[in-house]
């Protein structure tokens, strides 16, 4: 959503006066396809610029605030069942899947470690976490343990 707001603001206020007028005035002298390509490039540049300006800094600030708040909290141990594994090696990292606070979550692991725990129904995952802002958690450590 911040990216779309940024595109709107940059289109309306920042670039509209100069670039948009230039595109319109050039359209009288250039072909239709050239004008369309300029408009397309104009919007793509605005989209990228808006993403960089309106999405990345707030996300970095939020992550820092959450990290700082979580570091001042006591660590909690949470144990839950492993609900699945992924041993894909082509694009995604191998992972252990589990449920935490009603949401499916995952942690990355090495291929050898996942293969050693392939029968995931026999295992649980122990999470060492700290609570941050608004029920966001910081994962400090995790370990696969046997159910029995």
C-alpha atoms as a PDB file:
ATOM      1  CA  UNK A   1       0.000   0.000   0.000  1.00  0.00           C
ATOM      2  CA  UNK A   2       2.757   2.536   0.771  1.00  0.00           C
ATOM      3  CA  UNK A   3       4.222   1.872  -2.670  1.00  0.00           C
ATOM      4  CA  UNK A   4       0.954   2.750  -4.411  1.00  0.00           C
ATOM      5  CA  UNK A   5       0.598   5.897  -2.318  1.00  0.00           C
ATOM      6  CA  UNK A   6       4.160   6.788  -3.282  1.00  0.00           C
ATOM      7  CA  UNK A   7       3.431   6.245  -6.984  1.00  0.00           C
ATOM      8  CA  UNK A   8       0.404   8.491  -6.710  1.00  0.00           C
ATOM      9  CA  UNK A   9       2.294  11.239  -4.872  1.00  0.00           C
ATOM     10  CA  UNK A  10       5.349  11.122  -7.104  1.00  0.00           C
ATOM     11  CA  UNK A  11       3.204  11.109 -10.229  1.00  0.00           C
ATOM     12  CA  UNK A  12       1.019  13.948  -9.083  1.00  0.00           C
ATOM     13  CA  UNK A  13       3.484  16.279  -7.383  1.00  0.00           C
ATOM     14  CA  UNK A  14       7.114  15.506  -8.118  1.00  0.00           C
ATOM     15  CA  UNK A  15       7.324  14.499 -11.759  1.00  0.00           C
ATOM     16  CA  UNK A  16       3.994  15.671 -13.097  1.00  0.00           C
ATOM     17  CA  UNK A  17       4.985  19.234 -13.756  1.00  0.00           C
ATOM     18  CA  UNK A  18       8.165  18.489 -15.679  1.00  0.00           C
ATOM     19  CA  UNK A  19       8.192  14.988 -17.099  1.00  0.00           C
ATOM     20  CA  UNK A  20       4.489  14.610 -17.820  1.00  0.00           C
ATOM     21  CA  UNK A  21       4.367  17.905 -19.736  1.00  0.00           C
ATOM     22  CA  UNK A  22       7.462  16.846 -21.655  1.00  0.00           C
ATOM     23  CA  UNK A  23       5.873  13.527 -22.613  1.00  0.00           C
ATOM     24  CA  UNK A  24       2.695  15.249 -23.788  1.00  0.00           C
ATOM     25  CA  UNK A  25       4.554  17.877 -25.790  1.00  0.00           C
ATOM     26  CA  UNK A  26       6.822  15.223 -27.356  1.00  0.00           C
ATOM     27  CA  UNK A  27       3.811  13.086 -28.290  1.00  0.00           C
ATOM     28  CA  UNK A  28       2.923  15.596 -30.993  1.00  0.00           C
ATOM     29  CA  UNK A  29       6.309  15.068 -32.635  1.00  0.00           C
ATOM     30  CA  UNK A  30       6.842  11.339 -31.913  1.00  0.00           C
ATOM     31  CA  UNK A  31       5.040   8.179 -32.901  1.00  0.00           C
ATOM     32  CA  UNK A  32       2.333   6.583 -30.778  1.00  0.00           C
ATOM     33  CA  UNK A  33       4.538   3.638 -29.742  1.00  0.00           C
ATOM     34  CA  UNK A  34       7.326   5.965 -28.645  1.00  0.00           C
ATOM     35  CA  UNK A  35       4.893   7.977 -26.500  1.00  0.00           C
ATOM     36  CA  UNK A  36       3.434   4.800 -24.945  1.00  0.00           C
ATOM     37  CA  UNK A  37       6.927   3.489 -24.151  1.00  0.00           C
ATOM     38  CA  UNK A  38       7.844   6.797 -22.468  1.00  0.00           C
ATOM     39  CA  UNK A  39       4.685   6.661 -20.346  1.00  0.00           C
ATOM     40  CA  UNK A  40       5.431   3.040 -19.405  1.00  0.00           C
ATOM     41  CA  UNK A  41       9.012   3.875 -18.400  1.00  0.00           C
ATOM     42  CA  UNK A  42       7.735   6.893 -16.462  1.00  0.00           C
ATOM     43  CA  UNK A  43       5.387   4.739 -14.373  1.00  0.00           C
ATOM     44  CA  UNK A  44       7.943   1.961 -13.827  1.00  0.00           C
ATOM     45  CA  UNK A  45      10.529   4.462 -12.614  1.00  0.00           C
ATOM     46  CA  UNK A  46       7.931   5.974 -10.269  1.00  0.00           C
ATOM     47  CA  UNK A  47       7.017   2.524  -8.963  1.00  0.00           C
ATOM     48  CA  UNK A  48      10.640   1.616  -8.197  1.00  0.00           C
ATOM     49  CA  UNK A  49      11.352   5.009  -6.662  1.00  0.00           C
ATOM     50  CA  UNK A  50       8.213   4.793  -4.533  1.00  0.00           C
ATOM     51  CA  UNK A  51       9.136   1.312  -3.329  1.00  0.00           C
ATOM     52  CA  UNK A  52      12.579   2.506  -2.288  1.00  0.00           C
ATOM     53  CA  UNK A  53      11.360   5.701  -0.608  1.00  0.00           C
ATOM     54  CA  UNK A  54       8.024   4.682   0.928  1.00  0.00           C
ATOM     55  CA  UNK A  55       8.437   0.971   1.751  1.00  0.00           C
ATOM     56  CA  UNK A  56      12.046   0.229   2.685  1.00  0.00           C
ATOM     57  CA  UNK A  57      12.720   2.913   5.353  1.00  0.00           C
ATOM     58  CA  UNK A  58       9.515   2.209   7.342  1.00  0.00           C
ATOM     59  CA  UNK A  59      10.255  -1.507   7.225  1.00  0.00           C
ATOM     60  CA  UNK A  60      13.816  -0.959   8.476  1.00  0.00           C
ATOM     61  CA  UNK A  61      12.576   1.321  11.262  1.00  0.00           C
ATOM     62  CA  UNK A  62       9.897  -1.203  12.277  1.00  0.00           C
ATOM     63  CA  UNK A  63      12.420  -4.053  12.369  1.00  0.00           C
ATOM     64  CA  UNK A  64      14.807  -2.001  14.507  1.00  0.00           C
ATOM     65  CA  UNK A  65      12.050  -1.025  16.989  1.00  0.00           C
ATOM     66  CA  UNK A  66      10.862  -4.627  17.221  1.00  0.00           C
ATOM     67  CA  UNK A  67      14.445  -5.888  17.682  1.00  0.00           C
ATOM     68  CA  UNK A  68      15.170  -3.306  20.383  1.00  0.00           C
ATOM     69  CA  UNK A  69      11.925  -4.079  22.251  1.00  0.00           C
ATOM     70  CA  UNK A  70      12.500  -7.842  22.028  1.00  0.00           C
ATOM     71  CA  UNK A  71      16.081  -7.588  23.305  1.00  0.00           C
ATOM     72  CA  UNK A  72      14.731  -5.986  26.511  1.00  0.00           C
ATOM     73  CA  UNK A  73      12.333  -8.896  27.142  1.00  0.00           C
ATOM     74  CA  UNK A  74      13.022 -12.228  28.804  1.00  0.00           C
ATOM     75  CA  UNK A  75      13.542 -15.251  26.571  1.00  0.00           C
ATOM     76  CA  UNK A  76      10.699 -17.763  26.407  1.00  0.00           C
ATOM     77  CA  UNK A  77      10.851 -21.406  25.386  1.00  0.00           C
ATOM     78  CA  UNK A  78       8.092 -22.683  23.147  1.00  0.00           C
ATOM     79  CA  UNK A  79       7.770 -26.327  22.072  1.00  0.00           C
ATOM     80  CA  UNK A  80       5.523 -27.422  19.208  1.00  0.00           C
ATOM     81  CA  UNK A  81       5.214 -30.290  16.757  1.00  0.00           C
ATOM     82  CA  UNK A  82       7.017 -30.217  13.427  1.00  0.00           C
ATOM     83  CA  UNK A  83       4.221 -30.205  10.822  1.00  0.00           C
ATOM     84  CA  UNK A  84       6.340 -30.692   7.733  1.00  0.00           C
ATOM     85  CA  UNK A  85       9.704 -30.459   6.056  1.00  0.00           C
ATOM     86  CA  UNK A  86      10.970 -29.202   2.737  1.00  0.00           C
ATOM     87  CA  UNK A  87      14.030 -30.747   1.185  1.00  0.00           C
ATOM     88  CA  UNK A  88      14.022 -28.680  -1.983  1.00  0.00           C
ATOM     89  CA  UNK A  89      17.490 -27.683  -3.026  1.00  0.00           C
ATOM     90  CA  UNK A  90      16.828 -25.894  -6.306  1.00  0.00           C
ATOM     91  CA  UNK A  91      15.342 -22.514  -5.304  1.00  0.00           C
ATOM     92  CA  UNK A  92      14.210 -22.638  -1.702  1.00  0.00           C
ATOM     93  CA  UNK A  93      16.286 -23.579   1.309  1.00  0.00           C
ATOM     94  CA  UNK A  94      15.402 -26.763   3.171  1.00  0.00           C
ATOM     95  CA  UNK A  95      13.005 -25.939   6.017  1.00  0.00           C
ATOM     96  CA  UNK A  96      11.166 -27.261   9.039  1.00  0.00           C
ATOM     97  CA  UNK A  97       7.515 -26.188   9.263  1.00  0.00           C
ATOM     98  CA  UNK A  98       5.532 -25.759  12.484  1.00  0.00           C
ATOM     99  CA  UNK A  99       2.540 -23.865  13.879  1.00  0.00           C
ATOM    100  CA  UNK A 100       3.127 -20.888  16.144  1.00  0.00           C
ATOM    101  CA  UNK A 101       0.279 -18.756  17.512  1.00  0.00           C
ATOM    102  CA  UNK A 102      -2.094 -20.224  14.948  1.00  0.00           C
ATOM    103  CA  UNK A 103       0.154 -19.444  11.965  1.00  0.00           C
ATOM    104  CA  UNK A 104       2.315 -21.750   9.901  1.00  0.00           C
ATOM    105  CA  UNK A 105       5.965 -20.754  10.278  1.00  0.00           C
ATOM    106  CA  UNK A 106       9.264 -22.213   9.131  1.00  0.00           C
ATOM    107  CA  UNK A 107      12.962 -22.139   9.890  1.00  0.00           C
ATOM    108  CA  UNK A 108      15.798 -22.742   7.445  1.00  0.00           C
ATOM    109  CA  UNK A 109      18.115 -25.672   8.004  1.00  0.00           C
ATOM    110  CA  UNK A 110      20.878 -27.459   6.180  1.00  0.00           C
ATOM    111  CA  UNK A 111      19.946 -30.231   3.783  1.00  0.00           C
ATOM    112  CA  UNK A 112      21.783 -32.830   5.891  1.00  0.00           C
ATOM    113  CA  UNK A 113      19.977 -31.741   9.058  1.00  0.00           C
ATOM    114  CA  UNK A 114      16.563 -31.952   7.416  1.00  0.00           C
ATOM    115  CA  UNK A 115      17.387 -35.353   5.894  1.00  0.00           C
ATOM    116  CA  UNK A 116      18.413 -36.648   9.334  1.00  0.00           C
ATOM    117  CA  UNK A 117      14.933 -35.728  10.644  1.00  0.00           C
ATOM    118  CA  UNK A 118      12.971 -36.854   7.607  1.00  0.00           C
ATOM    119  CA  UNK A 119      10.310 -38.649   9.665  1.00  0.00           C
ATOM    120  CA  UNK A 120       9.150 -35.279  11.020  1.00  0.00           C
ATOM    121  CA  UNK A 121       6.128 -36.697  12.882  1.00  0.00           C
ATOM    122  CA  UNK A 122       8.507 -38.093  15.513  1.00  0.00           C
ATOM    123  CA  UNK A 123       9.974 -34.672  16.282  1.00  0.00           C
ATOM    124  CA  UNK A 124       9.148 -31.379  17.900  1.00  0.00           C
ATOM    125  CA  UNK A 125      10.833 -28.029  17.606  1.00  0.00           C
ATOM    126  CA  UNK A 126      12.014 -26.067  20.634  1.00  0.00           C
ATOM    127  CA  UNK A 127      12.049 -22.330  20.003  1.00  0.00           C
ATOM    128  CA  UNK A 128      13.869 -19.771  22.107  1.00  0.00           C
ATOM    129  CA  UNK A 129      12.030 -16.517  21.431  1.00  0.00           C
ATOM    130  CA  UNK A 130      11.606 -12.986  22.749  1.00  0.00           C
ATOM    131  CA  UNK A 131       8.385 -11.050  22.402  1.00  0.00           C
ATOM    132  CA  UNK A 132       8.614  -7.762  20.532  1.00  0.00           C
ATOM    133  CA  UNK A 133       6.038  -5.154  19.608  1.00  0.00           C
ATOM    134  CA  UNK A 134       2.408  -6.152  18.835  1.00  0.00           C
ATOM    135  CA  UNK A 135       2.918  -9.899  19.153  1.00  0.00           C
ATOM    136  CA  UNK A 136       5.905  -9.943  16.823  1.00  0.00           C
ATOM    137  CA  UNK A 137       8.603 -12.351  17.988  1.00  0.00           C
ATOM    138  CA  UNK A 138      12.350 -12.485  17.615  1.00  0.00           C
ATOM    139  CA  UNK A 139      13.697 -16.019  17.155  1.00  0.00           C
ATOM    140  CA  UNK A 140      16.967 -16.442  19.006  1.00  0.00           C
ATOM    141  CA  UNK A 141      17.550 -20.150  18.615  1.00  0.00           C
ATOM    142  CA  UNK A 142      15.791 -23.363  17.699  1.00  0.00           C
ATOM    143  CA  UNK A 143      16.420 -27.074  18.070  1.00  0.00           C
ATOM    144  CA  UNK A 144      14.745 -30.244  16.814  1.00  0.00           C
ATOM    145  CA  UNK A 145      13.969 -32.647  19.665  1.00  0.00           C
ATOM    146  CA  UNK A 146      12.410 -36.097  19.860  1.00  0.00           C
ATOM    147  CA  UNK A 147       8.819 -36.354  21.055  1.00  0.00           C
ATOM    148  CA  UNK A 148       9.676 -39.293  23.275  1.00  0.00           C
END
